Amino acid sequence: MPPFLRPLLVATAAAGLALVACRPAPPDAAVPLRSDLSRPTLAVQALTGHMRSGDFAAFARDAVPPALHARLQDAWRAGHTRWPLDELPFSEHLPGILGALAAPDAEAALTAGFERQFAGHGREIRAAAATVGMFGVQYVSNQGDFSDHEREHYAQLVTAVAHWAARAPLSDRAQAAAAIARLAEAARAAGPTTAEGIAAAGMDASLQRLGAFSSEVRAVLAGYGLDLDAAFDSVEAGLQVQQGDKATVRLRYTLAGTAIDTVVPVERIDGRWYLSDFLRHARSAASGAAAADPPGPVAVP
């Protein structure tokens, strides 16, 4: 897939991450304030709000309990996970995407790639969008590590994005040149672009920088008719049912003119509510990182 399109697709996927549920935090804040997660709907609204403002570090902080968050920070610095970015399709390509955009010749190289593959090919792009949407729905419906609730939600999300892509001016030369220039500048400002650099910077610092980058990507997408901020602003979360420490929240929003209506399971831990699917993926990431660590030295009597 050409590097020019990958940032757009990753940002589009980020809408799914946020909506199942940037103004970066002040750098000198000693202890970030935690959100009010005392009710199921507040947990969903808090995560959506963090994505709307581009504060990915706050999203990670409120998506999991403190002890799990600490384990994920250690795993991130060790290079074993990039959660919550691992929730996104194409997450393994993120360092490569940032590196391609931050390269000194990014504007010329990516514009040349666009000219070869996309300029003036609107009809082919629209046909490809329909095909990708069809196969994307089949994939999230039948494959991958998704819960039943995620499958139902993501199928709607993929369909909405495919409909948008079929209408978007993705073959327009002038718009592509402006988008490439804006994304390249944002990637250079984001800091380390290699997998090693992202790990060394740590989870919170990396997520803050990527949150600022995502704000630029969202602005580019809005220029193509995919207004993620409007989608965030349209979110309505209502409690469907609660039984003890388990509950479901009905989530409704509009993405690119398509109404999305789904149900999100949440659970209470130590008085705070969390999205169950995020917890499951985060625990898996932390457990996998622990298994990847080599055993310590064995004491010799």
Protein backbone atom coordinates (compact mmCIF):
# COMPACT_ATOMS: atom_id res chain seq x y z
CA MET A 1 0.00 0.00 0.00
CA PRO A 2 1.46 3.42 -0.91
CA PRO A 3 2.78 5.42 2.11
CA PHE A 4 0.54 8.35 1.20
CA LEU A 5 -2.63 6.40 1.98
CA ARG A 6 -1.47 4.57 5.09
CA PRO A 7 -1.70 7.61 7.45
CA LEU A 8 -5.24 8.23 6.23
CA LEU A 9 -6.22 4.62 6.86
CA VAL A 10 -4.59 4.52 10.29
CA ALA A 11 -6.38 7.70 11.31
CA THR A 12 -9.65 6.30 10.02
CA ALA A 13 -9.07 3.16 12.05
CA ALA A 14 -8.44 5.37 15.05
CA ALA A 15 -12.03 6.50 14.83
CA GLY A 16 -13.06 2.94 15.63
CA LEU A 17 -10.68 2.81 18.58
CA ALA A 18 -12.03 6.03 20.02
CA LEU A 19 -15.69 5.61 19.24
CA VAL A 20 -16.03 2.26 20.87
CA ALA A 21 -15.43 3.87 23.83
CA CYS A 22 -5.47 16.76 20.93
CA ARG A 23 -4.72 18.87 23.29
CA PRO A 24 -1.61 17.32 24.93
CA ALA A 25 -1.37 17.42 28.73
CA PRO A 26 0.80 20.26 30.11
CA PRO A 27 4.40 18.99 30.15
CA ASP A 28 4.98 20.19 33.69
CA ALA A 29 1.86 18.60 35.17
CA ALA A 30 3.11 16.64 38.17
CA VAL A 31 0.19 14.22 38.53
CA PRO A 32 -2.40 14.11 35.73
CA LEU A 33 -5.96 14.26 36.96
CA ARG A 34 -7.97 11.10 36.41
CA SER A 35 -11.39 11.34 34.85
CA ASP A 36 -14.65 10.55 36.60
CA LEU A 37 -15.31 6.91 35.68
CA SER A 38 -17.87 6.29 38.42
CA ARG A 39 -20.66 5.35 35.96
CA PRO A 40 -20.64 3.17 32.84
CA THR A 41 -21.56 5.98 30.46
CA LEU A 42 -18.89 8.25 31.93
CA ALA A 43 -16.21 5.70 31.02
CA VAL A 44 -17.28 5.81 27.36
CA GLN A 45 -17.60 9.59 27.33
CA ALA A 46 -14.19 10.09 28.95
CA LEU A 47 -12.36 8.02 26.33
CA THR A 48 -14.25 9.69 23.49
CA GLY A 49 -13.36 13.10 24.93
CA HIS A 50 -9.67 12.23 25.10
CA MET A 51 -9.67 11.15 21.46
CA ARG A 52 -11.58 14.28 20.46
CA SER A 53 -8.86 16.43 22.07
CA GLY A 54 -6.02 14.26 20.81
CA ASP A 55 -4.83 13.39 24.31
CA PHE A 56 -3.77 9.79 23.71
CA ALA A 57 -1.83 9.64 26.98
CA ALA A 58 -4.98 10.44 28.95
CA PHE A 59 -6.85 7.85 26.89
CA ALA A 60 -4.34 5.17 27.90
CA ARG A 61 -4.46 6.29 31.52
CA ASP A 62 -8.27 6.06 31.76
CA ALA A 63 -8.71 2.93 29.62
CA VAL A 64 -7.17 0.56 32.19
CA PRO A 65 -6.67 0.35 35.97
CA PRO A 66 -3.48 1.98 37.36
CA ALA A 67 -1.65 -1.29 38.04
CA LEU A 68 -2.21 -2.53 34.48
CA HIS A 69 -1.23 0.87 33.10
CA ALA A 70 2.10 0.63 34.94
CA ARG A 71 2.76 -2.83 33.46
CA LEU A 72 1.99 -1.53 29.98
CA GLN A 73 4.39 1.38 30.46
CA ASP A 74 7.19 -1.06 31.33
CA ALA A 75 6.33 -3.27 28.35
CA TRP A 76 6.28 -0.25 26.02
CA ARG A 77 9.73 0.92 27.12
CA ALA A 78 11.06 -2.62 26.68
CA GLY A 79 9.74 -2.60 23.10
CA HIS A 80 7.25 -5.44 23.67
CA THR A 81 4.04 -3.51 22.95
CA ARG A 82 2.69 -0.24 21.61
CA TRP A 83 -0.70 -0.52 23.26
CA PRO A 84 -3.15 1.23 22.78
CA LEU A 85 -1.85 1.78 19.24
CA ASP A 86 -1.80 -2.00 18.86
CA GLU A 87 -5.61 -1.81 18.81
CA LEU A 88 -5.41 -0.26 15.34
CA PRO A 89 -5.15 -2.01 11.99
CA PHE A 90 -1.78 -1.26 10.36
CA SER A 91 -0.24 -0.46 13.76
CA GLU A 92 2.87 -2.47 12.88
CA HIS A 93 3.45 -0.04 10.01
CA LEU A 94 3.31 3.09 12.20
CA PRO A 95 7.10 3.60 12.56
CA GLY A 96 7.49 3.12 8.80
CA ILE A 97 4.68 5.58 8.09
CA LEU A 98 6.17 8.23 10.35
CA GLY A 99 9.65 7.60 8.95
CA ALA A 100 8.48 7.96 5.35
CA LEU A 101 6.63 11.18 6.15
CA ALA A 102 9.50 12.64 8.20
CA ALA A 103 12.19 11.90 5.60
CA PRO A 104 13.90 14.98 4.12
CA ASP A 105 12.59 14.16 0.63
CA ALA A 106 9.13 13.01 1.76
CA GLU A 107 7.18 15.63 -0.16
CA ALA A 108 8.88 14.85 -3.47
CA ALA A 109 8.93 11.06 -3.01
CA LEU A 110 5.33 10.71 -1.86
CA THR A 111 4.02 13.13 -4.49
CA ALA A 112 5.80 11.11 -7.18
CA GLY A 113 4.24 7.93 -5.82
CA PHE A 114 0.82 9.55 -5.84
CA GLU A 115 1.27 10.65 -9.46
CA ARG A 116 2.20 7.12 -10.52
CA GLN A 117 -0.63 5.33 -8.78
CA PHE A 118 -3.56 7.63 -8.01
CA ALA A 119 -3.62 10.91 -9.91
CA GLY A 120 -6.61 10.95 -12.23
CA HIS A 121 -7.73 7.42 -11.30
CA GLY A 122 -10.90 8.36 -9.43
CA ARG A 123 -13.00 5.60 -10.97
CA GLU A 124 -10.49 2.89 -10.05
CA ILE A 125 -10.17 4.23 -6.51
CA ARG A 126 -13.94 4.19 -6.05
CA ALA A 127 -14.11 0.59 -7.26
CA ALA A 128 -11.24 -0.36 -4.94
CA ALA A 129 -12.99 1.30 -1.99
CA ALA A 130 -16.08 -0.83 -2.56
CA THR A 131 -13.98 -4.00 -2.78
CA VAL A 132 -11.91 -3.19 0.29
CA GLY A 133 -15.09 -2.39 2.21
CA MET A 134 -16.64 -5.71 1.28
CA PHE A 135 -13.59 -7.74 2.27
CA GLY A 136 -13.10 -5.60 5.38
CA VAL A 137 -16.59 -6.41 6.61
CA GLN A 138 -15.99 -10.11 5.96
CA TYR A 139 -12.72 -9.98 7.88
CA VAL A 140 -13.99 -8.24 11.00
CA SER A 141 -17.09 -10.44 10.96
CA ASN A 142 -15.26 -13.75 10.79
CA GLN A 143 -11.55 -13.35 11.56
CA GLY A 144 -9.22 -11.53 13.92
CA ASP A 145 -9.19 -11.31 17.72
CA PHE A 146 -12.51 -9.49 18.10
CA SER A 147 -15.38 -9.99 20.51
CA ASP A 148 -18.92 -10.31 19.16
CA HIS A 149 -19.59 -6.69 20.13
CA GLU A 150 -16.45 -5.52 18.32
CA ARG A 151 -17.37 -7.48 15.20
CA GLU A 152 -20.82 -5.92 15.06
CA HIS A 153 -19.44 -2.42 15.60
CA TYR A 154 -16.45 -2.63 13.28
CA ALA A 155 -18.54 -4.01 10.42
CA GLN A 156 -20.63 -0.83 10.58
CA LEU A 157 -17.50 1.30 10.83
CA VAL A 158 -15.81 -0.33 7.80
CA THR A 159 -18.97 0.12 5.74
CA ALA A 160 -19.17 3.80 6.65
CA VAL A 161 -15.52 4.40 5.74
CA ALA A 162 -15.89 2.52 2.45
CA HIS A 163 -18.85 4.72 1.52
CA TRP A 164 -16.82 7.80 2.37
CA ALA A 165 -13.79 6.63 0.34
CA ALA A 166 -16.00 6.03 -2.71
CA ARG A 167 -17.01 9.70 -2.64
CA ALA A 168 -13.77 11.33 -1.44
CA PRO A 169 -11.51 13.22 -3.91
CA LEU A 170 -8.58 10.87 -3.29
CA SER A 171 -7.26 11.28 -6.84
CA ASP A 172 -7.07 15.09 -6.73
CA ARG A 173 -3.48 16.28 -7.31
CA ALA A 174 -3.66 19.65 -5.59
CA GLN A 175 -5.37 18.26 -2.50
CA ALA A 176 -2.88 15.38 -2.28
CA ALA A 177 0.11 17.75 -2.49
CA ALA A 178 -1.29 19.90 0.32
CA ALA A 179 -2.07 16.83 2.44
CA ILE A 180 1.41 15.35 1.96
CA ALA A 181 3.09 18.62 2.92
CA ARG A 182 0.98 18.97 6.06
CA LEU A 183 1.47 15.36 7.17
CA ALA A 184 5.22 15.51 6.53
CA GLU A 185 5.61 18.62 8.67
CA ALA A 186 3.56 17.05 11.47
CA ALA A 187 5.56 13.80 11.35
CA ARG A 188 8.85 15.69 11.66
CA ALA A 189 7.51 17.50 14.71
CA ALA A 190 6.37 14.24 16.32
CA GLY A 191 9.85 13.23 17.45
CA PRO A 192 11.38 9.74 17.17
CA THR A 193 10.01 7.75 14.24
CA THR A 194 11.83 4.43 14.61
CA ALA A 195 10.45 1.56 16.69
CA GLU A 196 13.46 1.90 18.99
CA GLY A 197 12.99 5.63 19.40
CA ILE A 198 9.28 5.27 20.17
CA ALA A 199 10.07 2.63 22.80
CA ALA A 200 12.86 4.68 24.38
CA ALA A 201 10.65 7.78 24.64
CA GLY A 202 8.18 5.84 26.77
CA MET A 203 4.44 5.40 26.47
CA ASP A 204 3.17 8.72 27.82
CA ALA A 205 5.64 10.94 25.93
CA SER A 206 5.15 9.03 22.67
CA LEU A 207 1.37 9.11 22.95
CA GLN A 208 1.40 12.86 23.61
CA ARG A 209 3.45 13.49 20.47
CA LEU A 210 1.35 11.10 18.39
CA GLY A 211 -1.77 12.82 19.68
CA ALA A 212 -0.53 16.09 18.23
CA PHE A 213 0.25 14.30 14.94
CA SER A 214 -3.25 12.79 14.90
CA SER A 215 -4.76 16.26 15.14
CA GLU A 216 -3.08 17.17 11.86
CA VAL A 217 -4.18 13.89 10.27
CA ARG A 218 -7.76 14.54 11.36
CA ALA A 219 -7.59 17.99 9.76
CA VAL A 220 -6.38 16.42 6.51
CA LEU A 221 -9.16 13.85 6.62
CA ALA A 222 -11.73 16.59 7.22
CA GLY A 223 -10.51 18.21 4.00
CA TYR A 224 -11.37 14.95 2.25
CA GLY A 225 -14.85 14.90 3.78
CA LEU A 226 -14.19 12.56 6.72
CA ASP A 227 -14.80 14.78 9.74
CA LEU A 228 -13.78 12.70 12.75
CA ASP A 229 -14.27 15.62 15.14
CA ALA A 230 -17.90 15.82 14.06
CA ALA A 231 -18.19 12.08 14.66
CA PHE A 232 -16.79 12.46 18.17
CA ASP A 233 -19.15 15.35 18.85
CA SER A 234 -22.15 13.27 17.73
CA VAL A 235 -21.53 10.47 20.24
CA GLU A 236 -24.49 9.54 22.44
CA ALA A 237 -23.88 7.00 25.21
CA GLY A 238 -26.77 5.58 27.26
CA LEU A 239 -26.84 2.83 29.87
CA GLN A 240 -28.63 -0.20 28.50
CA VAL A 241 -28.43 -2.64 31.42
CA GLN A 242 -26.35 -3.02 34.59
CA GLN A 243 -25.96 -6.10 36.76
CA GLY A 244 -23.52 -5.63 39.60
CA ASP A 245 -20.05 -4.89 38.20
CA LYS A 246 -21.06 -5.62 34.59
CA ALA A 247 -23.01 -3.34 32.26
CA THR A 248 -23.63 -2.54 28.61
CA VAL A 249 -23.74 0.93 27.10
CA ARG A 250 -25.56 1.74 23.87
CA LEU A 251 -23.32 3.87 21.67
CA ARG A 252 -24.65 5.93 18.77
CA TYR A 253 -22.84 8.36 16.50
CA THR A 254 -22.64 9.50 12.89
CA LEU A 255 -19.53 8.94 10.77
CA ALA A 256 -19.35 10.52 7.32
CA GLY A 257 -23.12 10.65 7.07
CA THR A 258 -23.63 7.03 8.20
CA ALA A 259 -25.43 6.31 11.49
CA ILE A 260 -23.60 3.85 13.74
CA ASP A 261 -25.54 2.06 16.49
CA THR A 262 -23.80 -0.50 18.69
CA VAL A 263 -23.50 -1.86 22.23
CA VAL A 264 -20.33 -1.66 24.34
CA PRO A 265 -19.70 -3.94 27.37
CA VAL A 266 -18.09 -2.32 30.41
CA GLU A 267 -17.02 -3.57 33.84
CA ARG A 268 -16.25 -2.04 37.23
CA ILE A 269 -12.90 -2.46 38.98
CA ASP A 270 -12.21 -0.73 42.31
CA GLY A 271 -15.14 1.62 41.80
CA ARG A 272 -14.17 2.71 38.26
CA TRP A 273 -15.71 1.55 34.98
CA TYR A 274 -13.68 0.36 31.99
CA LEU A 275 -14.50 -0.91 28.50
CA SER A 276 -14.25 -4.69 28.62
CA ASP A 277 -12.75 -5.15 25.16
CA PHE A 278 -9.99 -2.62 25.83
CA LEU A 279 -9.22 -4.38 29.11
CA ARG A 280 -9.00 -7.74 27.36
CA HIS A 281 -6.58 -6.47 24.73
CA ALA A 282 -4.49 -4.55 27.29
CA ARG A 283 -4.19 -7.58 29.57
CA SER A 284 -3.15 -9.68 26.60
CA ALA A 285 -0.50 -7.12 25.64
CA ALA A 286 0.89 -6.99 29.18
CA SER A 287 0.87 -10.78 29.54
CA GLY A 288 2.58 -11.26 26.20
CA ALA A 289 5.25 -8.77 27.18
CA ALA A 290 5.87 -10.58 30.45
CA ALA A 291 6.26 -13.87 28.59
CA ALA A 292 8.76 -12.26 26.20
CA ASP A 293 11.08 -11.17 29.02
CA PRO A 294 13.96 -13.60 29.54
CA PRO A 295 14.12 -15.31 32.92
CA GLY A 296 16.37 -13.81 35.55
CA PRO A 297 19.63 -15.40 36.63
CA VAL A 298 19.35 -18.60 38.59
CA ALA A 299 21.05 -18.52 41.98
CA VAL A 300 23.76 -21.13 42.37
CA PRO A 301 23.92 -22.64 45.86
